[in-house]
Amino acid sequence: MVLKKVIVIGTGGHAKVIADIILKNNDTLLGFLDKDPVQKHFLGYPILGNDTDYIKYRDCCFIIGVGNSKKRENIYKNLKSVKWYN
């Protein structure tokens, strides 16, 4: 089994659930991206930047941890050529 390096987009309640799943799968949670990063950490992991900073982490997998389906869809449309975590 190949362990994955994962970044979660979002820092709300849904992101907490997603982070728990990543950790239970024994994959590596590198941190979070947030649209308006005010805090430096979330759940003890670093906020790596805003959601457009995904480009800096091409070797990682991404998952959108936003509960609102419209917002999640908008984020998805703006991410180009990423590896999705599944």
PDB file of N, CA and C in Angstrom:
ATOM      1  N   MET A   1       0.834  -1.179   0.000  1.00  0.00           N
ATOM      2  CA  MET A   1       0.000   0.000   0.000  1.00  0.00           C
ATOM      3  C   MET A   1       0.882   1.246   0.000  1.00  0.00           C
ATOM      4  N   VAL A   2       0.587   2.145  -0.908  1.00  0.00           N
ATOM      5  CA  VAL A   2       1.346   3.385  -1.015  1.00  0.00           C
ATOM      6  C   VAL A   2       0.684   4.449  -0.155  1.00  0.00           C
ATOM      7  N   LEU A   3       1.446   5.034   0.753  1.00  0.00           N
ATOM      8  CA  LEU A   3       0.911   6.113   1.570  1.00  0.00           C
ATOM      9  C   LEU A   3       0.905   7.390   0.764  1.00  0.00           C
ATOM     10  N   LYS A   4      -0.139   8.170   0.940  1.00  0.00           N
ATOM     11  CA  LYS A   4      -0.302   9.390   0.165  1.00  0.00           C
ATOM     12  C   LYS A   4      -0.078  10.616   1.038  1.00  0.00           C
ATOM     13  N   LYS A   5       0.479  11.671   0.435  1.00  0.00           N
ATOM     14  CA  LYS A   5       0.594  12.971   1.092  1.00  0.00           C
ATOM     15  C   LYS A   5      -0.637  13.769   0.667  1.00  0.00           C
ATOM     16  N   VAL A   6      -1.401  14.219   1.664  1.00  0.00           N
ATOM     17  CA  VAL A   6      -2.702  14.799   1.370  1.00  0.00           C
ATOM     18  C   VAL A   6      -2.816  16.201   1.953  1.00  0.00           C
ATOM     19  N   ILE A   7      -3.459  17.080   1.192  1.00  0.00           N
ATOM     20  CA  ILE A   7      -3.794  18.422   1.654  1.00  0.00           C
ATOM     21  C   ILE A   7      -5.306  18.579   1.539  1.00  0.00           C
ATOM     22  N   VAL A   8      -5.906  19.073   2.619  1.00  0.00           N
ATOM     23  CA  VAL A   8      -7.348  19.307   2.649  1.00  0.00           C
ATOM     24  C   VAL A   8      -7.605  20.780   2.339  1.00  0.00           C
ATOM     25  N   ILE A   9      -8.553  21.029   1.467  1.00  0.00           N
ATOM     26  CA  ILE A   9      -8.951  22.397   1.160  1.00  0.00           C
ATOM     27  C   ILE A   9     -10.184  22.707   1.991  1.00  0.00           C
ATOM     28  N   GLY A  10     -10.038  23.685   2.889  1.00  0.00           N
ATOM     29  CA  GLY A  10     -11.107  24.068   3.801  1.00  0.00           C
ATOM     30  C   GLY A  10     -10.691  23.831   5.239  1.00  0.00           C
ATOM     31  N   THR A  11     -11.303  24.557   6.150  1.00  0.00           N
ATOM     32  CA  THR A  11     -10.960  24.424   7.573  1.00  0.00           C
ATOM     33  C   THR A  11     -12.208  24.512   8.437  1.00  0.00           C
ATOM     34  N   GLY A  12     -13.248  23.840   8.028  1.00  0.00           N
ATOM     35  CA  GLY A  12     -14.481  23.832   8.807  1.00  0.00           C
ATOM     36  C   GLY A  12     -14.778  22.451   9.343  1.00  0.00           C
ATOM     37  N   GLY A  13     -16.022  22.250   9.719  1.00  0.00           N
ATOM     38  CA  GLY A  13     -16.439  20.970  10.285  1.00  0.00           C
ATOM     39  C   GLY A  13     -16.258  19.795   9.346  1.00  0.00           C
ATOM     40  N   HIS A  14     -16.551  19.989   8.089  1.00  0.00           N
ATOM     41  CA  HIS A  14     -16.380  18.908   7.110  1.00  0.00           C
ATOM     42  C   HIS A  14     -14.898  18.553   6.953  1.00  0.00           C
ATOM     43  N   ALA A  15     -14.034  19.556   7.010  1.00  0.00           N
ATOM     44  CA  ALA A  15     -12.588  19.322   6.913  1.00  0.00           C
ATOM     45  C   ALA A  15     -12.089  18.467   8.078  1.00  0.00           C
ATOM     46  N   LYS A  16     -12.694  18.643   9.250  1.00  0.00           N
ATOM     47  CA  LYS A  16     -12.317  17.820  10.412  1.00  0.00           C
ATOM     48  C   LYS A  16     -12.616  16.350  10.153  1.00  0.00           C
ATOM     49  N   VAL A  17     -13.773  16.077   9.588  1.00  0.00           N
ATOM     50  CA  VAL A  17     -14.169  14.702   9.278  1.00  0.00           C
ATOM     51  C   VAL A  17     -13.227  14.108   8.228  1.00  0.00           C
ATOM     52  N   ILE A  18     -12.922  14.881   7.202  1.00  0.00           N
ATOM     53  CA  ILE A  18     -12.016  14.429   6.141  1.00  0.00           C
ATOM     54  C   ILE A  18     -10.630  14.139   6.709  1.00  0.00           C
ATOM     55  N   ALA A  19     -10.134  15.028   7.568  1.00  0.00           N
ATOM     56  CA  ALA A  19      -8.810  14.827   8.175  1.00  0.00           C
ATOM     57  C   ALA A  19      -8.778  13.522   8.964  1.00  0.00           C
ATOM     58  N   ASP A  20      -9.842  13.242   9.690  1.00  0.00           N
ATOM     59  CA  ASP A  20      -9.915  12.007  10.469  1.00  0.00           C
ATOM     60  C   ASP A  20      -9.842  10.782   9.558  1.00  0.00           C
ATOM     61  N   ILE A  21     -10.512  10.833   8.426  1.00  0.00           N
ATOM     62  CA  ILE A  21     -10.484   9.715   7.475  1.00  0.00           C
ATOM     63  C   ILE A  21      -9.076   9.523   6.912  1.00  0.00           C
ATOM     64  N   ILE A  22      -8.416  10.615   6.577  1.00  0.00           N
ATOM     65  CA  ILE A  22      -7.049  10.532   6.051  1.00  0.00           C
ATOM     66  C   ILE A  22      -6.137   9.854   7.065  1.00  0.00           C
ATOM     67  N   LEU A  23      -6.224  10.288   8.300  1.00  0.00           N
ATOM     68  CA  LEU A  23      -5.366   9.731   9.350  1.00  0.00           C
ATOM     69  C   LEU A  23      -5.699   8.264   9.632  1.00  0.00           C
ATOM     70  N   LYS A  24      -6.965   7.909   9.603  1.00  0.00           N
ATOM     71  CA  LYS A  24      -7.352   6.511   9.825  1.00  0.00           C
ATOM     72  C   LYS A  24      -6.886   5.606   8.698  1.00  0.00           C
ATOM     73  N   ASN A  25      -6.679   6.181   7.525  1.00  0.00           N
ATOM     74  CA  ASN A  25      -6.140   5.417   6.394  1.00  0.00           C
ATOM     75  C   ASN A  25      -4.612   5.357   6.422  1.00  0.00           C
ATOM     76  N   ASN A  26      -4.026   5.930   7.457  1.00  0.00           N
ATOM     77  CA  ASN A  26      -2.571   5.972   7.630  1.00  0.00           C
ATOM     78  C   ASN A  26      -1.858   6.740   6.532  1.00  0.00           C
ATOM     79  N   ASP A  27      -2.566   7.654   5.890  1.00  0.00           N
ATOM     80  CA  ASP A  27      -1.920   8.532   4.929  1.00  0.00           C
ATOM     81  C   ASP A  27      -1.403   9.759   5.675  1.00  0.00           C
ATOM     82  N   THR A  28      -0.595  10.557   5.022  1.00  0.00           N
ATOM     83  CA  THR A  28       0.036  11.716   5.657  1.00  0.00           C
ATOM     84  C   THR A  28      -0.761  12.973   5.367  1.00  0.00           C
ATOM     85  N   LEU A  29      -1.262  13.591   6.411  1.00  0.00           N
ATOM     86  CA  LEU A  29      -1.958  14.866   6.282  1.00  0.00           C
ATOM     87  C   LEU A  29      -0.912  15.971   6.422  1.00  0.00           C
ATOM     88  N   LEU A  30      -0.620  16.637   5.294  1.00  0.00           N
ATOM     89  CA  LEU A  30       0.396  17.698   5.318  1.00  0.00           C
ATOM     90  C   LEU A  30      -0.135  18.990   5.907  1.00  0.00           C
ATOM     91  N   GLY A  31      -1.405  19.261   5.701  1.00  0.00           N
ATOM     92  CA  GLY A  31      -1.983  20.487   6.211  1.00  0.00           C
ATOM     93  C   GLY A  31      -3.222  20.863   5.433  1.00  0.00           C
ATOM     94  N   PHE A  32      -3.564  22.144   5.516  1.00  0.00           N
ATOM     95  CA  PHE A  32      -4.809  22.651   4.948  1.00  0.00           C
ATOM     96  C   PHE A  32      -4.555  23.882   4.092  1.00  0.00           C
ATOM     97  N   LEU A  33      -5.422  24.083   3.133  1.00  0.00           N
ATOM     98  CA  LEU A  33      -5.494  25.337   2.389  1.00  0.00           C
ATOM     99  C   LEU A  33      -6.857  25.935   2.702  1.00  0.00           C
ATOM    100  N   ASP A  34      -6.900  27.254   2.830  1.00  0.00           N
ATOM    101  CA  ASP A  34      -8.153  27.909   3.172  1.00  0.00           C
ATOM    102  C   ASP A  34      -8.311  29.170   2.343  1.00  0.00           C
ATOM    103  N   LYS A  35      -9.535  29.480   1.959  1.00  0.00           N
ATOM    104  CA  LYS A  35      -9.786  30.647   1.121  1.00  0.00           C
ATOM    105  C   LYS A  35      -9.269  31.932   1.769  1.00  0.00           C
ATOM    106  N   ASP A  36      -9.519  32.093   3.047  1.00  0.00           N
ATOM    107  CA  ASP A  36      -9.074  33.271   3.790  1.00  0.00           C
ATOM    108  C   ASP A  36      -8.321  32.823   5.042  1.00  0.00           C
ATOM    109  N   PRO A  37      -7.072  32.409   4.876  1.00  0.00           N
ATOM    110  CA  PRO A  37      -6.346  31.866   6.038  1.00  0.00           C
ATOM    111  C   PRO A  37      -6.034  32.939   7.082  1.00  0.00           C
ATOM    112  N   VAL A  38      -6.766  32.890   8.182  1.00  0.00           N
ATOM    113  CA  VAL A  38      -6.560  33.819   9.286  1.00  0.00           C
ATOM    114  C   VAL A  38      -5.654  33.174  10.328  1.00  0.00           C
ATOM    115  N   GLN A  39      -5.888  31.915  10.563  1.00  0.00           N
ATOM    116  CA  GLN A  39      -5.105  31.189  11.557  1.00  0.00           C
ATOM    117  C   GLN A  39      -3.889  30.518  10.921  1.00  0.00           C
ATOM    118  N   LYS A  40      -2.936  30.144  11.741  1.00  0.00           N
ATOM    119  CA  LYS A  40      -1.711  29.493  11.250  1.00  0.00           C
ATOM    120  C   LYS A  40      -1.821  27.969  11.267  1.00  0.00           C
ATOM    121  N   HIS A  41      -2.710  27.442  12.130  1.00  0.00           N
ATOM    122  CA  HIS A  41      -2.866  25.999  12.287  1.00  0.00           C
ATOM    123  C   HIS A  41      -4.347  25.642  12.401  1.00  0.00           C
ATOM    124  N   PHE A  42      -4.651  24.408  12.029  1.00  0.00           N
ATOM    125  CA  PHE A  42      -5.997  23.866  12.183  1.00  0.00           C
ATOM    126  C   PHE A  42      -5.836  22.409  12.571  1.00  0.00           C
ATOM    127  N   LEU A  43      -6.411  22.032  13.689  1.00  0.00           N
ATOM    128  CA  LEU A  43      -6.289  20.671  14.218  1.00  0.00           C
ATOM    129  C   LEU A  43      -4.834  20.277  14.464  1.00  0.00           C
ATOM    130  N   GLY A  44      -3.985  21.270  14.710  1.00  0.00           N
ATOM    131  CA  GLY A  44      -2.576  20.997  14.957  1.00  0.00           C
ATOM    132  C   GLY A  44      -1.727  20.873  13.697  1.00  0.00           C
ATOM    133  N   TYR A  45      -2.333  21.054  12.536  1.00  0.00           N
ATOM    134  CA  TYR A  45      -1.621  20.982  11.266  1.00  0.00           C
ATOM    135  C   TYR A  45      -1.528  22.381  10.662  1.00  0.00           C
ATOM    136  N   PRO A  46      -0.509  22.650   9.869  1.00  0.00           N
ATOM    137  CA  PRO A  46      -0.333  24.009   9.342  1.00  0.00           C
ATOM    138  C   PRO A  46      -1.355  24.379   8.273  1.00  0.00           C
ATOM    139  N   ILE A  47      -1.701  25.646   8.248  1.00  0.00           N
ATOM    140  CA  ILE A  47      -2.436  26.214   7.124  1.00  0.00           C
ATOM    141  C   ILE A  47      -1.353  26.602   6.119  1.00  0.00           C
ATOM    142  N   LEU A  48      -1.351  25.949   4.988  1.00  0.00           N
ATOM    143  CA  LEU A  48      -0.273  26.083   4.010  1.00  0.00           C
ATOM    144  C   LEU A  48      -0.464  27.263   3.059  1.00  0.00           C
ATOM    145  N   GLY A  49      -1.585  27.935   3.161  1.00  0.00           N
ATOM    146  CA  GLY A  49      -1.868  29.072   2.298  1.00  0.00           C
ATOM    147  C   GLY A  49      -3.333  29.108   1.937  1.00  0.00           C
ATOM    148  N   ASN A  50      -3.643  29.879   0.912  1.00  0.00           N
ATOM    149  CA  ASN A  50      -5.044  29.934   0.484  1.00  0.00           C
ATOM    150  C   ASN A  50      -5.294  28.887  -0.599  1.00  0.00           C
ATOM    151  N   ASP A  51      -6.533  28.768  -1.007  1.00  0.00           N
ATOM    152  CA  ASP A  51      -6.879  27.675  -1.916  1.00  0.00           C
ATOM    153  C   ASP A  51      -6.256  27.788  -3.306  1.00  0.00           C
ATOM    154  N   THR A  52      -5.689  28.930  -3.642  1.00  0.00           N
ATOM    155  CA  THR A  52      -4.992  29.043  -4.932  1.00  0.00           C
ATOM    156  C   THR A  52      -3.528  28.602  -4.838  1.00  0.00           C
ATOM    157  N   ASP A  53      -3.047  28.341  -3.636  1.00  0.00           N
ATOM    158  CA  ASP A  53      -1.663  27.906  -3.444  1.00  0.00           C
ATOM    159  C   ASP A  53      -1.462  26.418  -3.734  1.00  0.00           C
ATOM    160  N   TYR A  54      -2.512  25.741  -4.169  1.00  0.00           N
ATOM    161  CA  TYR A  54      -2.394  24.311  -4.467  1.00  0.00           C
ATOM    162  C   TYR A  54      -1.276  24.033  -5.480  1.00  0.00           C
ATOM    163  N   ILE A  55      -1.011  24.967  -6.330  1.00  0.00           N
ATOM    164  CA  ILE A  55      -0.016  24.816  -7.390  1.00  0.00           C
ATOM    165  C   ILE A  55       1.377  24.517  -6.824  1.00  0.00           C
ATOM    166  N   LYS A  56       1.638  24.941  -5.591  1.00  0.00           N
ATOM    167  CA  LYS A  56       2.944  24.720  -4.945  1.00  0.00           C
ATOM    168  C   LYS A  56       3.123  23.273  -4.488  1.00  0.00           C
ATOM    169  N   TYR A  57       2.059  22.489  -4.518  1.00  0.00           N
ATOM    170  CA  TYR A  57       2.088  21.148  -3.943  1.00  0.00           C
ATOM    171  C   TYR A  57       1.672  20.094  -4.963  1.00  0.00           C
ATOM    172  N   ARG A  58       2.285  20.140  -6.121  1.00  0.00           N
ATOM    173  CA  ARG A  58       1.940  19.234  -7.226  1.00  0.00           C
ATOM    174  C   ARG A  58       2.139  17.754  -6.889  1.00  0.00           C
ATOM    175  N   ASP A  59       3.025  17.449  -5.942  1.00  0.00           N
ATOM    176  CA  ASP A  59       3.293  16.047  -5.605  1.00  0.00           C
ATOM    177  C   ASP A  59       2.314  15.489  -4.579  1.00  0.00           C
ATOM    178  N   CYS A  60       1.319  16.276  -4.191  1.00  0.00           N
ATOM    179  CA  CYS A  60       0.356  15.865  -3.165  1.00  0.00           C
ATOM    180  C   CYS A  60      -0.997  15.539  -3.779  1.00  0.00           C
ATOM    181  N   CYS A  61      -1.795  14.843  -2.998  1.00  0.00           N
ATOM    182  CA  CYS A  61      -3.193  14.608  -3.342  1.00  0.00           C
ATOM    183  C   CYS A  61      -4.040  15.639  -2.606  1.00  0.00           C
ATOM    184  N   PHE A  62      -5.174  15.970  -3.186  1.00  0.00           N
ATOM    185  CA  PHE A  62      -6.059  16.966  -2.598  1.00  0.00           C
ATOM    186  C   PHE A  62      -7.449  16.397  -2.392  1.00  0.00           C
ATOM    187  N   ILE A  63      -8.115  16.951  -1.390  1.00  0.00           N
ATOM    188  CA  ILE A  63      -9.522  16.652  -1.169  1.00  0.00           C
ATOM    189  C   ILE A  63     -10.170  17.927  -0.658  1.00  0.00           C
ATOM    190  N   ILE A  64     -11.372  18.171  -1.110  1.00  0.00           N
ATOM    191  CA  ILE A  64     -12.074  19.387  -0.713  1.00  0.00           C
ATOM    192  C   ILE A  64     -12.900  19.084   0.526  1.00  0.00           C
ATOM    193  N   GLY A  65     -12.551  19.754   1.619  1.00  0.00           N
ATOM    194  CA  GLY A  65     -13.232  19.552   2.892  1.00  0.00           C
ATOM    195  C   GLY A  65     -14.220  20.659   3.186  1.00  0.00           C
ATOM    196  N   VAL A  66     -15.067  20.963   2.225  1.00  0.00           N
ATOM    197  CA  VAL A  66     -16.079  22.010   2.368  1.00  0.00           C
ATOM    198  C   VAL A  66     -17.441  21.342   2.241  1.00  0.00           C
ATOM    199  N   GLY A  67     -18.302  21.547   3.217  1.00  0.00           N
ATOM    200  CA  GLY A  67     -19.589  20.874   3.232  1.00  0.00           C
ATOM    201  C   GLY A  67     -20.597  21.411   2.228  1.00  0.00           C
ATOM    202  N   ASN A  68     -20.571  22.693   1.950  1.00  0.00           N
ATOM    203  CA  ASN A  68     -21.527  23.312   1.041  1.00  0.00           C
ATOM    204  C   ASN A  68     -21.223  22.868  -0.386  1.00  0.00           C
ATOM    205  N   SER A  69     -22.183  22.198  -1.019  1.00  0.00           N
ATOM    206  CA  SER A  69     -21.924  21.603  -2.331  1.00  0.00           C
ATOM    207  C   SER A  69     -21.659  22.641  -3.416  1.00  0.00           C
ATOM    208  N   LYS A  70     -22.287  23.795  -3.362  1.00  0.00           N
ATOM    209  CA  LYS A  70     -22.049  24.843  -4.359  1.00  0.00           C
ATOM    210  C   LYS A  70     -20.625  25.380  -4.232  1.00  0.00           C
ATOM    211  N   LYS A  71     -20.195  25.639  -2.989  1.00  0.00           N
ATOM    212  CA  LYS A  71     -18.827  26.122  -2.766  1.00  0.00           C
ATOM    213  C   LYS A  71     -17.818  25.057  -3.173  1.00  0.00           C
ATOM    214  N   ARG A  72     -18.119  23.809  -2.841  1.00  0.00           N
ATOM    215  CA  ARG A  72     -17.228  22.704  -3.201  1.00  0.00           C
ATOM    216  C   ARG A  72     -17.084  22.600  -4.717  1.00  0.00           C
ATOM    217  N   GLU A  73     -18.179  22.754  -5.431  1.00  0.00           N
ATOM    218  CA  GLU A  73     -18.142  22.708  -6.885  1.00  0.00           C
ATOM    219  C   GLU A  73     -17.300  23.855  -7.464  1.00  0.00           C
ATOM    220  N   ASN A  74     -17.446  25.040  -6.906  1.00  0.00           N
ATOM    221  CA  ASN A  74     -16.659  26.188  -7.369  1.00  0.00           C
ATOM    222  C   ASN A  74     -15.170  25.984  -7.140  1.00  0.00           C
ATOM    223  N   ILE A  75     -14.819  25.433  -5.992  1.00  0.00           N
ATOM    224  CA  ILE A  75     -13.412  25.148  -5.699  1.00  0.00           C
ATOM    225  C   ILE A  75     -12.891  24.120  -6.706  1.00  0.00           C
ATOM    226  N   TYR A  76     -13.655  23.072  -6.925  1.00  0.00           N
ATOM    227  CA  TYR A  76     -13.267  22.016  -7.858  1.00  0.00           C
ATOM    228  C   TYR A  76     -12.985  22.573  -9.249  1.00  0.00           C
ATOM    229  N   LYS A  77     -13.847  23.462  -9.712  1.00  0.00           N
ATOM    230  CA  LYS A  77     -13.687  24.041 -11.053  1.00  0.00           C
ATOM    231  C   LYS A  77     -12.414  24.871 -11.183  1.00  0.00           C
ATOM    232  N   ASN A  78     -11.930  25.418 -10.080  1.00  0.00           N
ATOM    233  CA  ASN A  78     -10.735  26.269 -10.118  1.00  0.00           C
ATOM    234  C   ASN A  78      -9.428  25.510  -9.966  1.00  0.00           C
ATOM    235  N   LEU A  79      -9.491  24.240  -9.621  1.00  0.00           N
ATOM    236  CA  LEU A  79      -8.272  23.440  -9.459  1.00  0.00           C
ATOM    237  C   LEU A  79      -7.960  22.726 -10.763  1.00  0.00           C
ATOM    238  N   LYS A  80      -6.792  22.976 -11.268  1.00  0.00           N
ATOM    239  CA  LYS A  80      -6.404  22.401 -12.564  1.00  0.00           C
ATOM    240  C   LYS A  80      -5.305  21.355 -12.381  1.00  0.00           C
ATOM    241  N   SER A  81      -5.511  20.208 -12.982  1.00  0.00           N
ATOM    242  CA  SER A  81      -4.495  19.146 -13.022  1.00  0.00           C
ATOM    243  C   SER A  81      -3.979  18.747 -11.647  1.00  0.00           C
ATOM    244  N   VAL A  82      -4.889  18.430 -10.739  1.00  0.00           N
ATOM    245  CA  VAL A  82      -4.458  17.962  -9.424  1.00  0.00           C
ATOM    246  C   VAL A  82      -4.738  16.463  -9.296  1.00  0.00           C
ATOM    247  N   LYS A  83      -4.030  15.837  -8.391  1.00  0.00           N
ATOM    248  CA  LYS A  83      -4.302  14.450  -8.050  1.00  0.00           C
ATOM    249  C   LYS A  83      -5.311  14.487  -6.899  1.00  0.00           C
ATOM    250  N   TRP A  84      -6.411  13.796  -7.085  1.00  0.00           N
ATOM    251  CA  TRP A  84      -7.449  13.773  -6.055  1.00  0.00           C
ATOM    252  C   TRP A  84      -7.229  12.611  -5.104  1.00  0.00           C
ATOM    253  N   TYR A  85      -7.496  12.865  -3.854  1.00  0.00           N
ATOM    254  CA  TYR A  85      -7.410  11.829  -2.826  1.00  0.00           C
ATOM    255  C   TYR A  85      -8.695  11.016  -2.865  1.00  0.00           C
ATOM    256  N   ASN A  86      -8.527   9.703  -2.928  1.00  0.00           N
ATOM    257  CA  ASN A  86      -9.704   8.822  -2.860  1.00  0.00           C
ATOM    258  C   ASN A  86      -9.372   7.570  -2.104  1.00  0.00           C
TER     259      ASN A  86
END
